[in-house]
């Protein structure tokens, strides 16, 4: 959309079966609010805004379940960087 930053990216990690946040965000009809922290050392610094989220699960016998996905902004973003 003209005038909005083209914010998008990918993520990967291991699935936590006690947390449904990513599955809920991916299933949302109108997106979710996403916060991006550049470092655990600077937990007070972040970028934030509405986004579409897509998530995939990779399972195999004898290995941890892995997740990966992508996100793309669906509105105006702000930051505290």
N, C-alpha and C. Protein backbone atom coordinates (compact mmCIF):
# COMPACT_ATOMS: atom_id res chain seq x y z
N UNK A 1 0.84 -1.16 0.00
CA UNK A 1 0.00 0.00 0.00
C UNK A 1 0.90 1.24 0.00
N UNK A 2 0.60 2.17 -0.84
CA UNK A 2 1.41 3.37 -0.94
C UNK A 2 1.41 4.13 0.38
N UNK A 3 2.60 4.57 0.81
CA UNK A 3 2.74 5.33 2.03
C UNK A 3 3.05 4.50 3.27
N UNK A 4 2.93 3.18 3.17
CA UNK A 4 3.23 2.31 4.31
C UNK A 4 4.54 1.57 4.06
N UNK A 5 5.29 1.35 5.13
CA UNK A 5 6.55 0.60 5.02
C UNK A 5 6.26 -0.84 4.63
N UNK A 6 7.13 -1.43 3.79
CA UNK A 6 7.00 -2.82 3.37
C UNK A 6 7.72 -3.69 4.40
N UNK A 7 7.01 -4.04 5.46
CA UNK A 7 7.60 -4.80 6.56
C UNK A 7 7.20 -6.26 6.41
N UNK A 8 8.20 -7.14 6.30
CA UNK A 8 7.94 -8.57 6.20
C UNK A 8 9.18 -9.31 6.64
N UNK A 9 9.00 -10.57 6.98
CA UNK A 9 10.14 -11.36 7.43
C UNK A 9 9.77 -12.81 7.66
N UNK A 10 10.73 -13.55 8.17
CA UNK A 10 10.54 -14.97 8.45
C UNK A 10 11.01 -15.26 9.87
N UNK A 11 10.58 -16.40 10.38
CA UNK A 11 11.01 -16.84 11.70
C UNK A 11 11.09 -18.35 11.71
N UNK A 12 11.82 -18.89 12.67
CA UNK A 12 11.95 -20.34 12.83
C UNK A 12 12.31 -20.64 14.28
N UNK A 13 11.97 -21.84 14.70
CA UNK A 13 12.28 -22.24 16.07
C UNK A 13 11.70 -23.61 16.37
N UNK A 14 11.52 -23.88 17.63
CA UNK A 14 10.97 -25.16 18.07
C UNK A 14 9.59 -24.92 18.66
N UNK A 15 8.68 -25.84 18.42
CA UNK A 15 7.30 -25.72 18.85
C UNK A 15 7.17 -25.98 20.34
N UNK A 16 6.42 -25.11 21.01
CA UNK A 16 6.07 -25.26 22.42
C UNK A 16 4.60 -25.67 22.45
N UNK A 17 4.33 -26.93 22.78
CA UNK A 17 2.95 -27.43 22.71
C UNK A 17 2.01 -26.83 23.75
N UNK A 18 2.52 -25.99 24.65
CA UNK A 18 1.67 -25.32 25.63
C UNK A 18 1.25 -23.92 25.18
N UNK A 19 1.76 -23.47 24.03
CA UNK A 19 1.49 -22.11 23.55
C UNK A 19 0.77 -22.17 22.20
N UNK A 20 -0.39 -21.57 22.11
CA UNK A 20 -1.16 -21.57 20.86
C UNK A 20 -1.11 -20.23 20.13
N UNK A 21 -0.24 -19.33 20.55
CA UNK A 21 -0.20 -17.97 20.01
C UNK A 21 -0.03 -17.96 18.49
N UNK A 22 0.95 -18.68 17.96
CA UNK A 22 1.20 -18.64 16.52
C UNK A 22 0.06 -19.25 15.72
N UNK A 23 -0.49 -20.36 16.20
CA UNK A 23 -1.61 -20.98 15.49
C UNK A 23 -2.83 -20.05 15.48
N UNK A 24 -3.09 -19.37 16.59
CA UNK A 24 -4.20 -18.43 16.67
C UNK A 24 -3.97 -17.24 15.73
N UNK A 25 -2.75 -16.73 15.70
CA UNK A 25 -2.42 -15.60 14.82
C UNK A 25 -2.59 -15.98 13.35
N UNK A 26 -2.13 -17.18 12.98
CA UNK A 26 -2.23 -17.62 11.59
C UNK A 26 -3.68 -17.85 11.17
N UNK A 27 -4.54 -18.21 12.09
CA UNK A 27 -5.94 -18.49 11.78
C UNK A 27 -6.82 -17.24 11.79
N UNK A 28 -6.28 -16.12 12.24
CA UNK A 28 -7.06 -14.89 12.35
C UNK A 28 -7.48 -14.35 10.98
N UNK A 29 -8.74 -13.98 10.86
CA UNK A 29 -9.26 -13.43 9.61
C UNK A 29 -8.78 -12.00 9.35
N UNK A 30 -8.39 -11.29 10.39
CA UNK A 30 -7.96 -9.90 10.20
C UNK A 30 -6.54 -9.63 10.67
N UNK A 31 -5.74 -10.68 10.85
CA UNK A 31 -4.34 -10.51 11.25
C UNK A 31 -4.19 -10.42 12.76
N UNK A 32 -2.99 -10.08 13.18
CA UNK A 32 -2.67 -10.00 14.59
C UNK A 32 -1.70 -8.85 14.82
N UNK A 33 -1.56 -8.41 16.05
CA UNK A 33 -0.57 -7.39 16.38
C UNK A 33 0.73 -8.12 16.70
N UNK A 34 1.80 -7.72 16.04
CA UNK A 34 3.08 -8.40 16.16
C UNK A 34 4.12 -7.44 16.74
N UNK A 35 4.93 -7.93 17.65
CA UNK A 35 6.04 -7.17 18.22
C UNK A 35 7.34 -7.87 17.85
N UNK A 36 8.31 -7.12 17.36
CA UNK A 36 9.61 -7.67 16.98
C UNK A 36 10.69 -7.04 17.86
N UNK A 37 11.42 -7.89 18.56
CA UNK A 37 12.49 -7.45 19.45
C UNK A 37 13.82 -7.79 18.80
N UNK A 38 14.70 -6.81 18.56
CA UNK A 38 15.96 -7.08 17.87
C UNK A 38 16.96 -7.88 18.70
N UNK A 39 16.79 -7.91 20.02
CA UNK A 39 17.75 -8.60 20.87
C UNK A 39 17.13 -8.84 22.24
N UNK A 40 17.51 -9.94 22.88
CA UNK A 40 17.06 -10.17 24.25
C UNK A 40 17.76 -9.23 25.21
N UNK A 41 18.88 -8.64 24.78
CA UNK A 41 19.62 -7.69 25.62
C UNK A 41 18.91 -6.35 25.73
N UNK A 42 18.04 -6.08 24.76
CA UNK A 42 17.36 -4.78 24.74
C UNK A 42 15.85 -5.00 24.67
N UNK A 43 15.29 -5.64 25.68
CA UNK A 43 13.88 -6.01 25.68
C UNK A 43 12.93 -4.81 25.66
N UNK A 44 13.46 -3.61 25.88
CA UNK A 44 12.61 -2.42 25.83
C UNK A 44 12.59 -1.81 24.43
N UNK A 45 13.34 -2.35 23.50
CA UNK A 45 13.39 -1.86 22.12
C UNK A 45 12.61 -2.83 21.23
N UNK A 46 11.69 -2.30 20.42
CA UNK A 46 10.89 -3.17 19.57
C UNK A 46 10.21 -2.37 18.45
N UNK A 47 9.78 -3.11 17.44
CA UNK A 47 8.92 -2.58 16.38
C UNK A 47 7.59 -3.32 16.52
N UNK A 48 6.50 -2.69 16.13
CA UNK A 48 5.20 -3.31 16.34
C UNK A 48 4.19 -2.85 15.28
N UNK A 49 3.21 -3.70 15.05
CA UNK A 49 2.14 -3.34 14.14
C UNK A 49 1.31 -4.54 13.75
N UNK A 50 0.25 -4.30 12.99
CA UNK A 50 -0.61 -5.39 12.54
C UNK A 50 0.07 -6.18 11.42
N UNK A 51 -0.16 -7.48 11.42
CA UNK A 51 0.50 -8.33 10.42
C UNK A 51 -0.32 -9.57 10.12
N UNK A 52 -0.11 -10.08 8.91
CA UNK A 52 -0.58 -11.41 8.55
C UNK A 52 0.52 -12.37 8.92
N UNK A 53 0.17 -13.52 9.49
CA UNK A 53 1.17 -14.51 9.91
C UNK A 53 0.83 -15.86 9.29
N UNK A 54 1.85 -16.54 8.80
CA UNK A 54 1.71 -17.90 8.27
C UNK A 54 2.71 -18.77 9.02
N UNK A 55 2.29 -19.94 9.45
CA UNK A 55 3.17 -20.82 10.23
C UNK A 55 3.08 -22.25 9.70
N UNK A 56 4.21 -22.96 9.70
CA UNK A 56 4.28 -24.36 9.28
C UNK A 56 4.98 -25.17 10.36
N UNK A 57 4.61 -26.44 10.45
CA UNK A 57 5.22 -27.35 11.41
C UNK A 57 5.96 -28.44 10.65
N UNK A 58 7.13 -28.81 11.14
CA UNK A 58 7.93 -29.87 10.54
C UNK A 58 8.17 -30.94 11.61
N UNK A 59 7.62 -32.11 11.38
CA UNK A 59 7.76 -33.18 12.36
C UNK A 59 8.51 -34.36 11.77
N UNK A 60 9.26 -35.03 12.61
CA UNK A 60 9.93 -36.26 12.21
C UNK A 60 10.09 -37.14 13.44
N UNK A 61 10.23 -38.42 13.21
CA UNK A 61 10.39 -39.37 14.31
C UNK A 61 11.74 -39.12 14.98
N UNK A 62 11.73 -39.00 16.29
CA UNK A 62 12.98 -38.87 17.04
C UNK A 62 13.59 -37.48 17.04
N UNK A 63 12.83 -36.46 16.65
CA UNK A 63 13.38 -35.10 16.64
C UNK A 63 12.33 -34.15 17.19
N UNK A 64 12.76 -33.00 17.66
CA UNK A 64 11.82 -31.99 18.15
C UNK A 64 11.00 -31.44 16.99
N UNK A 65 9.77 -31.04 17.27
CA UNK A 65 8.92 -30.44 16.25
C UNK A 65 9.42 -29.02 15.99
N UNK A 66 9.67 -28.73 14.73
CA UNK A 66 10.17 -27.40 14.35
C UNK A 66 9.03 -26.59 13.75
N UNK A 67 9.10 -25.27 13.93
CA UNK A 67 8.15 -24.36 13.30
C UNK A 67 8.92 -23.38 12.44
N UNK A 68 8.26 -22.90 11.42
CA UNK A 68 8.81 -21.83 10.60
C UNK A 68 7.63 -21.06 10.04
N UNK A 69 7.88 -19.87 9.63
CA UNK A 69 6.79 -19.08 9.09
C UNK A 69 7.24 -17.75 8.57
N UNK A 70 6.25 -16.98 8.19
CA UNK A 70 6.52 -15.65 7.66
C UNK A 70 5.46 -14.68 8.16
N UNK A 71 5.76 -13.40 8.04
CA UNK A 71 4.81 -12.36 8.40
C UNK A 71 4.93 -11.21 7.41
N UNK A 72 3.84 -10.48 7.25
CA UNK A 72 3.82 -9.30 6.39
C UNK A 72 2.90 -8.27 7.02
N UNK A 73 3.32 -7.04 7.03
CA UNK A 73 2.52 -5.96 7.62
C UNK A 73 1.19 -5.83 6.88
N UNK A 74 0.13 -5.54 7.62
CA UNK A 74 -1.16 -5.26 6.99
C UNK A 74 -1.73 -3.93 7.49
N UNK A 75 -0.83 -3.00 7.78
CA UNK A 75 -1.22 -1.67 8.24
C UNK A 75 0.02 -0.91 8.69
N UNK A 76 -0.20 0.23 9.32
CA UNK A 76 0.89 1.09 9.76
C UNK A 76 1.61 0.50 10.97
N UNK A 77 2.92 0.61 10.99
CA UNK A 77 3.75 0.12 12.10
C UNK A 77 4.42 1.28 12.82
N UNK A 78 4.79 1.03 14.06
CA UNK A 78 5.54 1.99 14.86
C UNK A 78 6.76 1.30 15.45
N UNK A 79 7.56 2.04 16.18
CA UNK A 79 8.72 1.42 16.82
C UNK A 79 9.16 2.20 18.03
N UNK A 80 9.94 1.53 18.85
CA UNK A 80 10.55 2.08 20.04
C UNK A 80 12.03 1.67 19.99
N UNK A 81 12.67 1.96 18.86
CA UNK A 81 14.06 1.55 18.65
C UNK A 81 15.03 2.67 18.94
